[in-house]
Amino acid sequence: MIIHINMPADGTVSFYLKGTCEEHDELNVYYDGENWISSRDFYTGSKITGWSSWTSQSVDLSAGNHTLTFNYRKDNETNGGDDRFCIDDLSLSFD
């Protein structure tokens, strides 16, 4: 999923994230092409396995155009959990 954001002023984008998958699946969230969140180090440095709790995420953005990219990679070796990550309550706030 790719979200293009045109910020009219400096501000913050925030959302809640949780997941359920086995250890070989992976979620990466990129902010303007840079890896911002990775399920490899999400929750105490290890991949998410089973249900994770809703966790608040936020990043400060300068005025202008930005891109958030959510990339979920499912391996084909095993199945576990629901094989998904959930995003809720995505919001923008401005200074």
N, C-alpha and C. Protein backbone atom coordinates (compact mmCIF):
# COMPACT_ATOMS: atom_id res chain seq x y z
N MET A 1 0.85 -1.16 0.00
CA MET A 1 0.00 0.00 0.00
C MET A 1 0.90 1.23 0.00
N ILE A 2 0.58 2.18 -0.86
CA ILE A 2 1.35 3.42 -0.95
C ILE A 2 0.41 4.59 -0.69
N ILE A 3 0.83 5.48 0.20
CA ILE A 3 0.05 6.67 0.52
C ILE A 3 0.90 7.89 0.20
N HIS A 4 0.39 8.74 -0.68
CA HIS A 4 1.06 10.00 -1.02
C HIS A 4 0.42 11.10 -0.19
N ILE A 5 1.25 11.88 0.48
CA ILE A 5 0.78 12.94 1.37
C ILE A 5 1.37 14.27 0.92
N ASN A 6 0.52 15.25 0.75
CA ASN A 6 0.98 16.61 0.47
C ASN A 6 0.68 17.43 1.72
N MET A 7 1.70 17.66 2.53
CA MET A 7 1.54 18.39 3.79
C MET A 7 1.54 19.89 3.51
N PRO A 8 0.46 20.61 3.86
CA PRO A 8 0.43 22.05 3.65
C PRO A 8 1.29 22.81 4.65
N ALA A 9 1.66 22.15 5.74
CA ALA A 9 2.50 22.75 6.78
C ALA A 9 3.22 21.61 7.50
N ASP A 10 4.21 21.95 8.31
CA ASP A 10 4.88 20.93 9.13
C ASP A 10 3.84 20.25 10.02
N GLY A 11 4.00 18.97 10.27
CA GLY A 11 3.04 18.26 11.10
C GLY A 11 3.47 16.83 11.36
N THR A 12 2.49 16.00 11.69
CA THR A 12 2.74 14.61 12.07
C THR A 12 1.73 13.69 11.41
N VAL A 13 2.19 12.53 10.95
CA VAL A 13 1.29 11.47 10.52
C VAL A 13 1.37 10.39 11.59
N SER A 14 0.22 9.86 11.99
CA SER A 14 0.20 8.81 13.01
C SER A 14 -0.83 7.76 12.64
N PHE A 15 -0.64 6.55 13.18
CA PHE A 15 -1.56 5.44 12.97
C PHE A 15 -1.29 4.38 14.00
N TYR A 16 -2.19 3.42 14.09
CA TYR A 16 -2.01 2.25 14.95
C TYR A 16 -1.72 1.05 14.06
N LEU A 17 -0.87 0.15 14.56
CA LEU A 17 -0.43 -1.01 13.80
C LEU A 17 -0.46 -2.24 14.69
N LYS A 18 -0.97 -3.35 14.15
CA LYS A 18 -0.85 -4.64 14.82
C LYS A 18 -0.75 -5.72 13.75
N GLY A 19 -0.29 -6.89 14.14
CA GLY A 19 -0.11 -7.94 13.15
C GLY A 19 -0.32 -9.33 13.70
N THR A 20 -0.51 -10.25 12.77
CA THR A 20 -0.56 -11.67 13.10
C THR A 20 0.01 -12.44 11.92
N CYS A 21 1.14 -13.09 12.15
CA CYS A 21 1.79 -13.87 11.11
C CYS A 21 2.87 -14.74 11.76
N GLU A 22 3.42 -15.64 10.97
CA GLU A 22 4.53 -16.44 11.51
C GLU A 22 5.84 -15.70 11.32
N GLU A 23 6.90 -16.22 11.90
CA GLU A 23 8.17 -15.50 11.98
C GLU A 23 8.86 -15.25 10.65
N HIS A 24 8.48 -15.93 9.58
CA HIS A 24 9.16 -15.75 8.30
C HIS A 24 8.52 -14.65 7.44
N ASP A 25 7.33 -14.18 7.82
CA ASP A 25 6.70 -13.08 7.10
C ASP A 25 7.31 -11.77 7.59
N GLU A 26 7.13 -10.71 6.82
CA GLU A 26 7.78 -9.46 7.20
C GLU A 26 6.97 -8.26 6.73
N LEU A 27 6.91 -7.24 7.57
CA LEU A 27 6.32 -5.96 7.22
C LEU A 27 7.40 -4.90 7.30
N ASN A 28 7.48 -4.06 6.28
CA ASN A 28 8.35 -2.89 6.31
C ASN A 28 7.52 -1.67 5.94
N VAL A 29 7.72 -0.59 6.68
CA VAL A 29 7.07 0.68 6.38
C VAL A 29 8.18 1.66 6.02
N TYR A 30 8.05 2.25 4.84
CA TYR A 30 9.04 3.19 4.35
C TYR A 30 8.46 4.60 4.38
N TYR A 31 9.25 5.54 4.80
CA TYR A 31 8.91 6.96 4.81
C TYR A 31 9.85 7.64 3.83
N ASP A 32 9.33 8.14 2.74
CA ASP A 32 10.13 8.76 1.67
C ASP A 32 11.30 7.88 1.24
N GLY A 33 11.03 6.57 1.12
CA GLY A 33 12.03 5.62 0.63
C GLY A 33 12.96 5.05 1.68
N GLU A 34 12.95 5.59 2.89
CA GLU A 34 13.81 5.09 3.97
C GLU A 34 13.03 4.11 4.84
N ASN A 35 13.65 2.99 5.20
CA ASN A 35 12.99 2.01 6.06
C ASN A 35 12.79 2.61 7.45
N TRP A 36 11.52 2.77 7.82
CA TRP A 36 11.16 3.41 9.09
C TRP A 36 10.78 2.36 10.13
N ILE A 37 9.90 1.43 9.77
CA ILE A 37 9.46 0.37 10.68
C ILE A 37 9.70 -0.96 10.00
N SER A 38 10.29 -1.90 10.73
CA SER A 38 10.47 -3.24 10.22
C SER A 38 10.00 -4.23 11.25
N SER A 39 9.24 -5.24 10.82
CA SER A 39 8.78 -6.26 11.78
C SER A 39 9.95 -7.06 12.33
N ARG A 40 11.12 -6.95 11.72
CA ARG A 40 12.30 -7.64 12.27
C ARG A 40 12.73 -7.04 13.60
N ASP A 41 12.52 -5.73 13.80
CA ASP A 41 12.93 -5.12 15.06
C ASP A 41 11.75 -4.51 15.82
N PHE A 42 10.54 -4.75 15.35
CA PHE A 42 9.33 -4.28 15.99
C PHE A 42 9.09 -5.13 17.23
N TYR A 43 8.75 -4.55 18.33
CA TYR A 43 8.53 -5.27 19.60
C TYR A 43 9.80 -6.01 20.04
N THR A 44 10.65 -5.34 20.70
CA THR A 44 11.84 -5.90 21.38
C THR A 44 12.83 -6.60 20.46
N GLY A 45 12.97 -6.13 19.23
CA GLY A 45 14.04 -6.62 18.39
C GLY A 45 13.81 -7.92 17.67
N SER A 46 12.62 -8.48 17.71
CA SER A 46 12.38 -9.72 16.97
C SER A 46 11.15 -9.57 16.09
N LYS A 47 10.99 -10.46 15.17
CA LYS A 47 9.83 -10.40 14.29
C LYS A 47 8.55 -10.66 15.09
N ILE A 48 7.45 -10.13 14.58
CA ILE A 48 6.16 -10.37 15.20
C ILE A 48 5.72 -11.79 14.88
N THR A 49 5.31 -12.53 15.89
CA THR A 49 4.69 -13.83 15.68
C THR A 49 3.42 -13.87 16.50
N GLY A 50 2.36 -14.43 15.96
CA GLY A 50 1.08 -14.41 16.66
C GLY A 50 0.51 -13.00 16.67
N TRP A 51 -0.54 -12.78 17.44
CA TRP A 51 -1.15 -11.45 17.50
C TRP A 51 -0.26 -10.51 18.28
N SER A 52 -0.03 -9.34 17.75
CA SER A 52 0.63 -8.27 18.48
C SER A 52 -0.44 -7.28 18.90
N SER A 53 -0.18 -6.54 19.93
CA SER A 53 -1.12 -5.53 20.40
C SER A 53 -1.08 -4.32 19.48
N TRP A 54 -2.16 -3.53 19.49
CA TRP A 54 -2.16 -2.27 18.75
C TRP A 54 -1.07 -1.39 19.32
N THR A 55 -0.25 -0.84 18.45
CA THR A 55 0.86 0.02 18.85
C THR A 55 0.80 1.32 18.05
N SER A 56 0.91 2.43 18.73
CA SER A 56 0.87 3.74 18.09
C SER A 56 2.21 4.02 17.41
N GLN A 57 2.15 4.52 16.18
CA GLN A 57 3.33 4.90 15.42
C GLN A 57 3.13 6.33 14.93
N SER A 58 4.18 7.12 14.89
CA SER A 58 4.06 8.48 14.35
C SER A 58 5.41 8.95 13.83
N VAL A 59 5.35 9.88 12.89
CA VAL A 59 6.56 10.48 12.35
C VAL A 59 6.25 11.94 12.01
N ASP A 60 7.20 12.82 12.32
CA ASP A 60 7.06 14.24 11.98
C ASP A 60 7.39 14.42 10.51
N LEU A 61 6.58 15.23 9.84
CA LEU A 61 6.77 15.51 8.42
C LEU A 61 6.90 17.01 8.21
N SER A 62 7.80 17.40 7.35
CA SER A 62 7.91 18.80 6.96
C SER A 62 6.85 19.09 5.90
N ALA A 63 6.59 20.36 5.68
CA ALA A 63 5.66 20.75 4.62
C ALA A 63 6.18 20.22 3.28
N GLY A 64 5.27 19.77 2.42
CA GLY A 64 5.66 19.27 1.11
C GLY A 64 5.12 17.88 0.85
N ASN A 65 5.62 17.25 -0.20
CA ASN A 65 5.17 15.93 -0.62
C ASN A 65 5.97 14.83 0.06
N HIS A 66 5.26 13.81 0.51
CA HIS A 66 5.87 12.66 1.18
C HIS A 66 5.16 11.39 0.74
N THR A 67 5.84 10.26 0.91
CA THR A 67 5.27 8.96 0.57
C THR A 67 5.48 7.99 1.71
N LEU A 68 4.39 7.32 2.12
CA LEU A 68 4.47 6.20 3.06
C LEU A 68 4.17 4.94 2.28
N THR A 69 5.04 3.94 2.40
CA THR A 69 4.85 2.68 1.70
C THR A 69 4.81 1.55 2.73
N PHE A 70 3.75 0.75 2.69
CA PHE A 70 3.59 -0.41 3.57
C PHE A 70 3.80 -1.65 2.71
N ASN A 71 4.82 -2.45 3.03
CA ASN A 71 5.19 -3.60 2.21
C ASN A 71 5.18 -4.86 3.07
N TYR A 72 4.21 -5.74 2.81
CA TYR A 72 4.10 -7.02 3.53
C TYR A 72 4.61 -8.14 2.63
N ARG A 73 5.55 -8.91 3.13
CA ARG A 73 6.10 -10.03 2.37
C ARG A 73 5.73 -11.33 3.06
N LYS A 74 4.95 -12.14 2.37
CA LYS A 74 4.54 -13.45 2.86
C LYS A 74 5.46 -14.51 2.28
N ASP A 75 6.05 -15.34 3.16
CA ASP A 75 6.85 -16.44 2.64
C ASP A 75 5.92 -17.58 2.23
N ASN A 76 6.42 -18.49 1.44
CA ASN A 76 5.60 -19.62 0.98
C ASN A 76 5.90 -20.90 1.72
N GLU A 77 6.73 -20.85 2.76
CA GLU A 77 7.13 -22.05 3.46
C GLU A 77 6.10 -22.52 4.47
N THR A 78 5.56 -21.60 5.27
CA THR A 78 4.62 -21.98 6.33
C THR A 78 3.49 -20.97 6.42
N ASN A 79 2.40 -21.38 7.04
CA ASN A 79 1.29 -20.48 7.33
C ASN A 79 1.09 -20.45 8.83
N GLY A 80 0.80 -19.28 9.35
CA GLY A 80 0.55 -19.15 10.77
C GLY A 80 -0.16 -17.83 11.04
N GLY A 81 -1.01 -17.80 12.03
CA GLY A 81 -1.78 -16.59 12.29
C GLY A 81 -2.69 -16.31 11.13
N ASP A 82 -3.04 -15.06 10.95
CA ASP A 82 -3.92 -14.66 9.84
C ASP A 82 -3.13 -14.13 8.65
N ASP A 83 -1.81 -14.13 8.73
CA ASP A 83 -0.95 -13.65 7.64
C ASP A 83 -1.33 -12.23 7.22
N ARG A 84 -1.35 -11.32 8.21
CA ARG A 84 -1.68 -9.94 7.88
C ARG A 84 -1.20 -8.98 8.97
N PHE A 85 -1.10 -7.73 8.58
CA PHE A 85 -0.90 -6.61 9.49
C PHE A 85 -2.09 -5.67 9.30
N CYS A 86 -2.51 -5.04 10.38
CA CYS A 86 -3.66 -4.13 10.34
C CYS A 86 -3.20 -2.71 10.66
N ILE A 87 -3.75 -1.75 9.93
CA ILE A 87 -3.47 -0.34 10.15
C ILE A 87 -4.80 0.34 10.43
N ASP A 88 -4.83 1.17 11.48
CA ASP A 88 -6.08 1.82 11.85
C ASP A 88 -5.81 3.26 12.26
N ASP A 89 -6.81 4.09 12.11
CA ASP A 89 -6.82 5.47 12.61
C ASP A 89 -5.64 6.27 12.09
N LEU A 90 -5.38 6.19 10.79
CA LEU A 90 -4.33 7.01 10.18
C LEU A 90 -4.80 8.47 10.20
N SER A 91 -3.97 9.34 10.73
CA SER A 91 -4.37 10.75 10.84
C SER A 91 -3.18 11.67 10.61
N LEU A 92 -3.50 12.89 10.20
CA LEU A 92 -2.52 13.95 10.01
C LEU A 92 -2.84 15.07 10.98
N SER A 93 -1.82 15.64 11.57
CA SER A 93 -2.00 16.84 12.40
C SER A 93 -0.95 17.85 11.99
N PHE A 94 -1.28 19.13 12.14
CA PHE A 94 -0.40 20.20 11.69
C PHE A 94 -0.02 21.11 12.84
N ASP A 95 1.20 21.63 12.76
CA ASP A 95 1.67 22.56 13.79
C ASP A 95 0.96 23.89 13.68
